[in-house]
Amino acid sequence: FRSHEASGRYLEVVADAKLVFTWSWRSAPESESFVTVALRPDGDGTLLTLTHAQFLDEETRDQHAEGWTSTLDGLERYLA
């Protein structure tokens, strides 16, 4: 298990539908990016769409994609 520290500001909160926030690692606060989490009903469940944008480079984007995928896969297993 690895621990990471990130911080940010909430930019938009729509109850039961959408959350938009800034994202930056505590070790690199100048590298701010933006995360949008959208939720919508899907049958008996909820569809979650996560978009993380405005990275400094492709390598950073790819690392975050790997991290989010792993995190959301874990969440899916936890909720199942």
PDB file of N, CA and C in Angstrom:
ATOM      1  N   PHE A   1       0.842  -1.185   0.000  1.00  0.00           N
ATOM      2  CA  PHE A   1       0.000   0.000   0.000  1.00  0.00           C
ATOM      3  C   PHE A   1       0.879   1.238   0.000  1.00  0.00           C
ATOM      4  N   ARG A   2       0.633   2.144  -0.944  1.00  0.00           N
ATOM      5  CA  ARG A   2       1.399   3.390  -1.024  1.00  0.00           C
ATOM      6  C   ARG A   2       0.499   4.542  -0.622  1.00  0.00           C
ATOM      7  N   SER A   3       1.066   5.486   0.064  1.00  0.00           N
ATOM      8  CA  SER A   3       0.319   6.665   0.493  1.00  0.00           C
ATOM      9  C   SER A   3       0.773   7.874  -0.323  1.00  0.00           C
ATOM     10  N   HIS A   4      -0.194   8.665  -0.784  1.00  0.00           N
ATOM     11  CA  HIS A   4       0.089   9.863  -1.561  1.00  0.00           C
ATOM     12  C   HIS A   4      -0.726  11.014  -0.981  1.00  0.00           C
ATOM     13  N   GLU A   5      -0.161  12.214  -0.992  1.00  0.00           N
ATOM     14  CA  GLU A   5      -0.876  13.387  -0.503  1.00  0.00           C
ATOM     15  C   GLU A   5      -1.185  14.326  -1.648  1.00  0.00           C
ATOM     16  N   ALA A   6      -2.472  14.577  -1.841  1.00  0.00           N
ATOM     17  CA  ALA A   6      -2.924  15.524  -2.859  1.00  0.00           C
ATOM     18  C   ALA A   6      -3.844  16.529  -2.192  1.00  0.00           C
ATOM     19  N   SER A   7      -3.979  17.679  -2.826  1.00  0.00           N
ATOM     20  CA  SER A   7      -4.893  18.695  -2.300  1.00  0.00           C
ATOM     21  C   SER A   7      -5.566  19.386  -3.484  1.00  0.00           C
ATOM     22  N   GLY A   8      -6.578  20.178  -3.161  1.00  0.00           N
ATOM     23  CA  GLY A   8      -7.279  20.903  -4.215  1.00  0.00           C
ATOM     24  C   GLY A   8      -8.418  21.727  -3.655  1.00  0.00           C
ATOM     25  N   ARG A   9      -9.156  22.345  -4.579  1.00  0.00           N
ATOM     26  CA  ARG A   9     -10.297  23.182  -4.221  1.00  0.00           C
ATOM     27  C   ARG A   9     -11.513  22.679  -4.991  1.00  0.00           C
ATOM     28  N   TYR A  10     -12.653  22.650  -4.329  1.00  0.00           N
ATOM     29  CA  TYR A  10     -13.891  22.304  -5.021  1.00  0.00           C
ATOM     30  C   TYR A  10     -14.325  23.493  -5.855  1.00  0.00           C
ATOM     31  N   LEU A  11     -14.618  23.260  -7.119  1.00  0.00           N
ATOM     32  CA  LEU A  11     -15.044  24.311  -8.032  1.00  0.00           C
ATOM     33  C   LEU A  11     -16.534  24.236  -8.337  1.00  0.00           C
ATOM     34  N   GLU A  12     -17.085  23.030  -8.311  1.00  0.00           N
ATOM     35  CA  GLU A  12     -18.510  22.841  -8.591  1.00  0.00           C
ATOM     36  C   GLU A  12     -18.994  21.596  -7.854  1.00  0.00           C
ATOM     37  N   VAL A  13     -20.119  21.738  -7.167  1.00  0.00           N
ATOM     38  CA  VAL A  13     -20.737  20.613  -6.471  1.00  0.00           C
ATOM     39  C   VAL A  13     -22.214  20.609  -6.820  1.00  0.00           C
ATOM     40  N   VAL A  14     -22.652  19.547  -7.475  1.00  0.00           N
ATOM     41  CA  VAL A  14     -24.060  19.366  -7.805  1.00  0.00           C
ATOM     42  C   VAL A  14     -24.475  18.059  -7.129  1.00  0.00           C
ATOM     43  N   ALA A  15     -25.308  18.149  -6.106  1.00  0.00           N
ATOM     44  CA  ALA A  15     -25.687  16.976  -5.316  1.00  0.00           C
ATOM     45  C   ALA A  15     -26.165  15.837  -6.208  1.00  0.00           C
ATOM     46  N   ASP A  16     -25.638  14.654  -5.955  1.00  0.00           N
ATOM     47  CA  ASP A  16     -26.016  13.420  -6.646  1.00  0.00           C
ATOM     48  C   ASP A  16     -25.747  13.442  -8.143  1.00  0.00           C
ATOM     49  N   ALA A  17     -24.924  14.385  -8.635  1.00  0.00           N
ATOM     50  CA  ALA A  17     -24.718  14.458 -10.082  1.00  0.00           C
ATOM     51  C   ALA A  17     -23.284  14.771 -10.504  1.00  0.00           C
ATOM     52  N   LYS A  18     -22.622  15.737  -9.862  1.00  0.00           N
ATOM     53  CA  LYS A  18     -21.337  16.195 -10.400  1.00  0.00           C
ATOM     54  C   LYS A  18     -20.468  16.828  -9.316  1.00  0.00           C
ATOM     55  N   LEU A  19     -19.175  16.584  -9.444  1.00  0.00           N
ATOM     56  CA  LEU A  19     -18.177  17.172  -8.557  1.00  0.00           C
ATOM     57  C   LEU A  19     -16.979  17.559  -9.414  1.00  0.00           C
ATOM     58  N   VAL A  20     -16.559  18.819  -9.337  1.00  0.00           N
ATOM     59  CA  VAL A  20     -15.391  19.301 -10.081  1.00  0.00           C
ATOM     60  C   VAL A  20     -14.423  19.900  -9.064  1.00  0.00           C
ATOM     61  N   PHE A  21     -13.152  19.501  -9.160  1.00  0.00           N
ATOM     62  CA  PHE A  21     -12.164  20.017  -8.215  1.00  0.00           C
ATOM     63  C   PHE A  21     -10.781  20.083  -8.851  1.00  0.00           C
ATOM     64  N   THR A  22      -9.939  20.936  -8.279  1.00  0.00           N
ATOM     65  CA  THR A  22      -8.548  20.993  -8.701  1.00  0.00           C
ATOM     66  C   THR A  22      -7.797  19.864  -8.009  1.00  0.00           C
ATOM     67  N   TRP A  23      -6.642  19.520  -8.579  1.00  0.00           N
ATOM     68  CA  TRP A  23      -5.822  18.423  -8.048  1.00  0.00           C
ATOM     69  C   TRP A  23      -4.366  18.809  -8.175  1.00  0.00           C
ATOM     70  N   SER A  24      -3.643  18.695  -7.075  1.00  0.00           N
ATOM     71  CA  SER A  24      -2.191  18.840  -7.142  1.00  0.00           C
ATOM     72  C   SER A  24      -1.561  18.016  -6.027  1.00  0.00           C
ATOM     73  N   TRP A  25      -0.416  17.436  -6.359  1.00  0.00           N
ATOM     74  CA  TRP A  25       0.321  16.673  -5.356  1.00  0.00           C
ATOM     75  C   TRP A  25       0.948  17.643  -4.371  1.00  0.00           C
ATOM     76  N   ARG A  26       0.982  17.276  -3.124  1.00  0.00           N
ATOM     77  CA  ARG A  26       1.587  18.118  -2.082  1.00  0.00           C
ATOM     78  C   ARG A  26       3.037  18.427  -2.450  1.00  0.00           C
ATOM     79  N   SER A  27       3.703  17.489  -3.114  1.00  0.00           N
ATOM     80  CA  SER A  27       5.111  17.676  -3.486  1.00  0.00           C
ATOM     81  C   SER A  27       5.289  18.542  -4.735  1.00  0.00           C
ATOM     82  N   ALA A  28       4.196  18.838  -5.465  1.00  0.00           N
ATOM     83  CA  ALA A  28       4.294  19.640  -6.688  1.00  0.00           C
ATOM     84  C   ALA A  28       3.043  20.513  -6.848  1.00  0.00           C
ATOM     85  N   PRO A  29       2.830  21.461  -5.935  1.00  0.00           N
ATOM     86  CA  PRO A  29       1.605  22.258  -5.960  1.00  0.00           C
ATOM     87  C   PRO A  29       1.445  23.114  -7.220  1.00  0.00           C
ATOM     88  N   GLU A  30       2.519  23.358  -7.925  1.00  0.00           N
ATOM     89  CA  GLU A  30       2.450  24.174  -9.142  1.00  0.00           C
ATOM     90  C   GLU A  30       1.845  23.393 -10.320  1.00  0.00           C
ATOM     91  N   SER A  31       1.726  22.090 -10.197  1.00  0.00           N
ATOM     92  CA  SER A  31       1.213  21.230 -11.266  1.00  0.00           C
ATOM     93  C   SER A  31      -0.275  20.944 -11.063  1.00  0.00           C
ATOM     94  N   GLU A  32      -1.082  21.967 -11.088  1.00  0.00           N
ATOM     95  CA  GLU A  32      -2.509  21.820 -10.828  1.00  0.00           C
ATOM     96  C   GLU A  32      -3.241  21.295 -12.066  1.00  0.00           C
ATOM     97  N   SER A  33      -4.106  20.320 -11.855  1.00  0.00           N
ATOM     98  CA  SER A  33      -4.960  19.780 -12.914  1.00  0.00           C
ATOM     99  C   SER A  33      -6.400  19.787 -12.402  1.00  0.00           C
ATOM    100  N   PHE A  34      -7.318  19.298 -13.223  1.00  0.00           N
ATOM    101  CA  PHE A  34      -8.743  19.390 -12.888  1.00  0.00           C
ATOM    102  C   PHE A  34      -9.419  18.033 -13.030  1.00  0.00           C
ATOM    103  N   VAL A  35     -10.241  17.689 -12.032  1.00  0.00           N
ATOM    104  CA  VAL A  35     -10.949  16.413 -12.013  1.00  0.00           C
ATOM    105  C   VAL A  35     -12.452  16.692 -12.021  1.00  0.00           C
ATOM    106  N   THR A  36     -13.177  15.947 -12.866  1.00  0.00           N
ATOM    107  CA  THR A  36     -14.633  15.992 -12.882  1.00  0.00           C
ATOM    108  C   THR A  36     -15.147  14.579 -12.641  1.00  0.00           C
ATOM    109  N   VAL A  37     -16.025  14.446 -11.662  1.00  0.00           N
ATOM    110  CA  VAL A  37     -16.693  13.178 -11.390  1.00  0.00           C
ATOM    111  C   VAL A  37     -18.168  13.403 -11.662  1.00  0.00           C
ATOM    112  N   ALA A  38     -18.690  12.674 -12.642  1.00  0.00           N
ATOM    113  CA  ALA A  38     -20.104  12.787 -12.992  1.00  0.00           C
ATOM    114  C   ALA A  38     -20.800  11.482 -12.624  1.00  0.00           C
ATOM    115  N   LEU A  39     -21.992  11.601 -12.038  1.00  0.00           N
ATOM    116  CA  LEU A  39     -22.789  10.447 -11.635  1.00  0.00           C
ATOM    117  C   LEU A  39     -24.140  10.508 -12.328  1.00  0.00           C
ATOM    118  N   ARG A  40     -24.611   9.340 -12.797  1.00  0.00           N
ATOM    119  CA  ARG A  40     -25.959   9.303 -13.360  1.00  0.00           C
ATOM    120  C   ARG A  40     -26.559   7.930 -13.110  1.00  0.00           C
ATOM    121  N   PRO A  41     -27.867   7.890 -12.915  1.00  0.00           N
ATOM    122  CA  PRO A  41     -28.526   6.600 -12.694  1.00  0.00           C
ATOM    123  C   PRO A  41     -28.308   5.666 -13.876  1.00  0.00           C
ATOM    124  N   ASP A  42     -28.174   4.382 -13.562  1.00  0.00           N
ATOM    125  CA  ASP A  42     -27.970   3.362 -14.590  1.00  0.00           C
ATOM    126  C   ASP A  42     -28.642   2.084 -14.102  1.00  0.00           C
ATOM    127  N   GLY A  43     -29.905   1.900 -14.465  1.00  0.00           N
ATOM    128  CA  GLY A  43     -30.648   0.739 -13.980  1.00  0.00           C
ATOM    129  C   GLY A  43     -30.782   0.806 -12.470  1.00  0.00           C
ATOM    130  N   ASP A  44     -30.339  -0.256 -11.793  1.00  0.00           N
ATOM    131  CA  ASP A  44     -30.385  -0.294 -10.330  1.00  0.00           C
ATOM    132  C   ASP A  44     -29.144   0.310  -9.688  1.00  0.00           C
ATOM    133  N   GLY A  45     -28.237   0.822 -10.507  1.00  0.00           N
ATOM    134  CA  GLY A  45     -26.983   1.347  -9.981  1.00  0.00           C
ATOM    135  C   GLY A  45     -26.717   2.768 -10.425  1.00  0.00           C
ATOM    136  N   THR A  46     -25.457   3.133 -10.398  1.00  0.00           N
ATOM    137  CA  THR A  46     -25.014   4.474 -10.771  1.00  0.00           C
ATOM    138  C   THR A  46     -23.786   4.355 -11.655  1.00  0.00           C
ATOM    139  N   LEU A  47     -23.778   5.104 -12.744  1.00  0.00           N
ATOM    140  CA  LEU A  47     -22.616   5.162 -13.623  1.00  0.00           C
ATOM    141  C   LEU A  47     -21.745   6.333 -13.195  1.00  0.00           C
ATOM    142  N   LEU A  48     -20.481   6.075 -12.912  1.00  0.00           N
ATOM    143  CA  LEU A  48     -19.520   7.101 -12.520  1.00  0.00           C
ATOM    144  C   LEU A  48     -18.580   7.331 -13.693  1.00  0.00           C
ATOM    145  N   THR A  49     -18.469   8.585 -14.128  1.00  0.00           N
ATOM    146  CA  THR A  49     -17.527   8.954 -15.181  1.00  0.00           C
ATOM    147  C   THR A  49     -16.531   9.942 -14.583  1.00  0.00           C
ATOM    148  N   LEU A  50     -15.248   9.588 -14.622  1.00  0.00           N
ATOM    149  CA  LEU A  50     -14.195  10.433 -14.068  1.00  0.00           C
ATOM    150  C   LEU A  50     -13.342  10.963 -15.212  1.00  0.00           C
ATOM    151  N   THR A  51     -13.157  12.275 -15.240  1.00  0.00           N
ATOM    152  CA  THR A  51     -12.295  12.911 -16.229  1.00  0.00           C
ATOM    153  C   THR A  51     -11.246  13.725 -15.485  1.00  0.00           C
ATOM    154  N   HIS A  52      -9.992  13.486 -15.790  1.00  0.00           N
ATOM    155  CA  HIS A  52      -8.887  14.224 -15.171  1.00  0.00           C
ATOM    156  C   HIS A  52      -8.124  14.885 -16.315  1.00  0.00           C
ATOM    157  N   ALA A  53      -8.012  16.209 -16.299  1.00  0.00           N
ATOM    158  CA  ALA A  53      -7.489  16.938 -17.458  1.00  0.00           C
ATOM    159  C   ALA A  53      -6.447  17.988 -17.067  1.00  0.00           C
ATOM    160  N   GLN A  54      -5.772  18.485 -18.083  1.00  0.00           N
ATOM    161  CA  GLN A  54      -4.778  19.564 -18.019  1.00  0.00           C
ATOM    162  C   GLN A  54      -3.496  19.146 -17.298  1.00  0.00           C
ATOM    163  N   PHE A  55      -2.924  18.064 -17.797  1.00  0.00           N
ATOM    164  CA  PHE A  55      -1.644  17.605 -17.262  1.00  0.00           C
ATOM    165  C   PHE A  55      -0.494  18.341 -17.942  1.00  0.00           C
ATOM    166  N   LEU A  56       0.645  18.357 -17.283  1.00  0.00           N
ATOM    167  CA  LEU A  56       1.825  19.008 -17.846  1.00  0.00           C
ATOM    168  C   LEU A  56       2.398  18.231 -19.025  1.00  0.00           C
ATOM    169  N   ASP A  57       2.257  16.893 -18.995  1.00  0.00           N
ATOM    170  CA  ASP A  57       2.825  16.077 -20.072  1.00  0.00           C
ATOM    171  C   ASP A  57       2.107  14.735 -20.144  1.00  0.00           C
ATOM    172  N   GLU A  58       2.402  13.974 -21.189  1.00  0.00           N
ATOM    173  CA  GLU A  58       1.744  12.687 -21.412  1.00  0.00           C
ATOM    174  C   GLU A  58       2.118  11.659 -20.344  1.00  0.00           C
ATOM    175  N   GLU A  59       3.344  11.683 -19.886  1.00  0.00           N
ATOM    176  CA  GLU A  59       3.769  10.720 -18.868  1.00  0.00           C
ATOM    177  C   GLU A  59       2.951  10.897 -17.589  1.00  0.00           C
ATOM    178  N   THR A  60       2.774  12.131 -17.162  1.00  0.00           N
ATOM    179  CA  THR A  60       1.979  12.405 -15.966  1.00  0.00           C
ATOM    180  C   THR A  60       0.533  11.965 -16.178  1.00  0.00           C
ATOM    181  N   ARG A  61      -0.018  12.251 -17.362  1.00  0.00           N
ATOM    182  CA  ARG A  61      -1.381  11.822 -17.692  1.00  0.00           C
ATOM    183  C   ARG A  61      -1.505  10.308 -17.572  1.00  0.00           C
ATOM    184  N   ASP A  62      -0.558   9.591 -18.154  1.00  0.00           N
ATOM    185  CA  ASP A  62      -0.613   8.134 -18.151  1.00  0.00           C
ATOM    186  C   ASP A  62      -0.487   7.561 -16.736  1.00  0.00           C
ATOM    187  N   GLN A  63       0.354   8.170 -15.911  1.00  0.00           N
ATOM    188  CA  GLN A  63       0.492   7.714 -14.523  1.00  0.00           C
ATOM    189  C   GLN A  63      -0.805   7.917 -13.746  1.00  0.00           C
ATOM    190  N   HIS A  64      -1.462   9.051 -13.970  1.00  0.00           N
ATOM    191  CA  HIS A  64      -2.733   9.298 -13.292  1.00  0.00           C
ATOM    192  C   HIS A  64      -3.817   8.342 -13.788  1.00  0.00           C
ATOM    193  N   ALA A  65      -3.831   8.063 -15.078  1.00  0.00           N
ATOM    194  CA  ALA A  65      -4.808   7.112 -15.621  1.00  0.00           C
ATOM    195  C   ALA A  65      -4.660   5.755 -14.941  1.00  0.00           C
ATOM    196  N   GLU A  66      -3.423   5.321 -14.770  1.00  0.00           N
ATOM    197  CA  GLU A  66      -3.162   4.047 -14.088  1.00  0.00           C
ATOM    198  C   GLU A  66      -3.643   4.096 -12.639  1.00  0.00           C
ATOM    199  N   GLY A  67      -3.360   5.191 -11.957  1.00  0.00           N
ATOM    200  CA  GLY A  67      -3.769   5.329 -10.559  1.00  0.00           C
ATOM    201  C   GLY A  67      -5.278   5.364 -10.386  1.00  0.00           C
ATOM    202  N   TRP A  68      -5.964   6.163 -11.234  1.00  0.00           N
ATOM    203  CA  TRP A  68      -7.424   6.230 -11.144  1.00  0.00           C
ATOM    204  C   TRP A  68      -8.054   4.885 -11.479  1.00  0.00           C
ATOM    205  N   THR A  69      -7.545   4.204 -12.496  1.00  0.00           N
ATOM    206  CA  THR A  69      -8.095   2.902 -12.873  1.00  0.00           C
ATOM    207  C   THR A  69      -7.981   1.921 -11.717  1.00  0.00           C
ATOM    208  N   SER A  70      -6.820   1.878 -11.091  1.00  0.00           N
ATOM    209  CA  SER A  70      -6.606   0.997  -9.951  1.00  0.00           C
ATOM    210  C   SER A  70      -7.539   1.360  -8.793  1.00  0.00           C
ATOM    211  N   THR A  71      -7.665   2.637  -8.518  1.00  0.00           N
ATOM    212  CA  THR A  71      -8.523   3.094  -7.415  1.00  0.00           C
ATOM    213  C   THR A  71      -9.983   2.761  -7.666  1.00  0.00           C
ATOM    214  N   LEU A  72     -10.462   3.030  -8.878  1.00  0.00           N
ATOM    215  CA  LEU A  72     -11.868   2.762  -9.189  1.00  0.00           C
ATOM    216  C   LEU A  72     -12.155   1.264  -9.260  1.00  0.00           C
ATOM    217  N   ASP A  73     -11.194   0.469  -9.721  1.00  0.00           N
ATOM    218  CA  ASP A  73     -11.362  -0.983  -9.693  1.00  0.00           C
ATOM    219  C   ASP A  73     -11.501  -1.473  -8.249  1.00  0.00           C
ATOM    220  N   GLY A  74     -10.699  -0.916  -7.353  1.00  0.00           N
ATOM    221  CA  GLY A  74     -10.794  -1.259  -5.944  1.00  0.00           C
ATOM    222  C   GLY A  74     -12.128  -0.853  -5.342  1.00  0.00           C
ATOM    223  N   LEU A  75     -12.626   0.311  -5.718  1.00  0.00           N
ATOM    224  CA  LEU A  75     -13.919   0.778  -5.239  1.00  0.00           C
ATOM    225  C   LEU A  75     -15.031  -0.149  -5.725  1.00  0.00           C
ATOM    226  N   GLU A  76     -14.942  -0.556  -6.976  1.00  0.00           N
ATOM    227  CA  GLU A  76     -15.954  -1.472  -7.528  1.00  0.00           C
ATOM    228  C   GLU A  76     -15.963  -2.801  -6.749  1.00  0.00           C
ATOM    229  N   ARG A  77     -14.788  -3.337  -6.467  1.00  0.00           N
ATOM    230  CA  ARG A  77     -14.708  -4.588  -5.699  1.00  0.00           C
ATOM    231  C   ARG A  77     -15.248  -4.383  -4.291  1.00  0.00           C
ATOM    232  N   TYR A  78     -14.965  -3.253  -3.683  1.00  0.00           N
ATOM    233  CA  TYR A  78     -15.421  -2.966  -2.326  1.00  0.00           C
ATOM    234  C   TYR A  78     -16.947  -2.854  -2.267  1.00  0.00           C
ATOM    235  N   LEU A  79     -17.546  -2.254  -3.276  1.00  0.00           N
ATOM    236  CA  LEU A  79     -18.989  -2.043  -3.281  1.00  0.00           C
ATOM    237  C   LEU A  79     -19.779  -3.257  -3.769  1.00  0.00           C
ATOM    238  N   ALA A  80     -19.096  -4.208  -4.400  1.00  0.00           N
ATOM    239  CA  ALA A  80     -19.792  -5.382  -4.948  1.00  0.00           C
ATOM    240  C   ALA A  80     -20.273  -6.320  -3.861  1.00  0.00           C
TER     241      ALA A  80
END
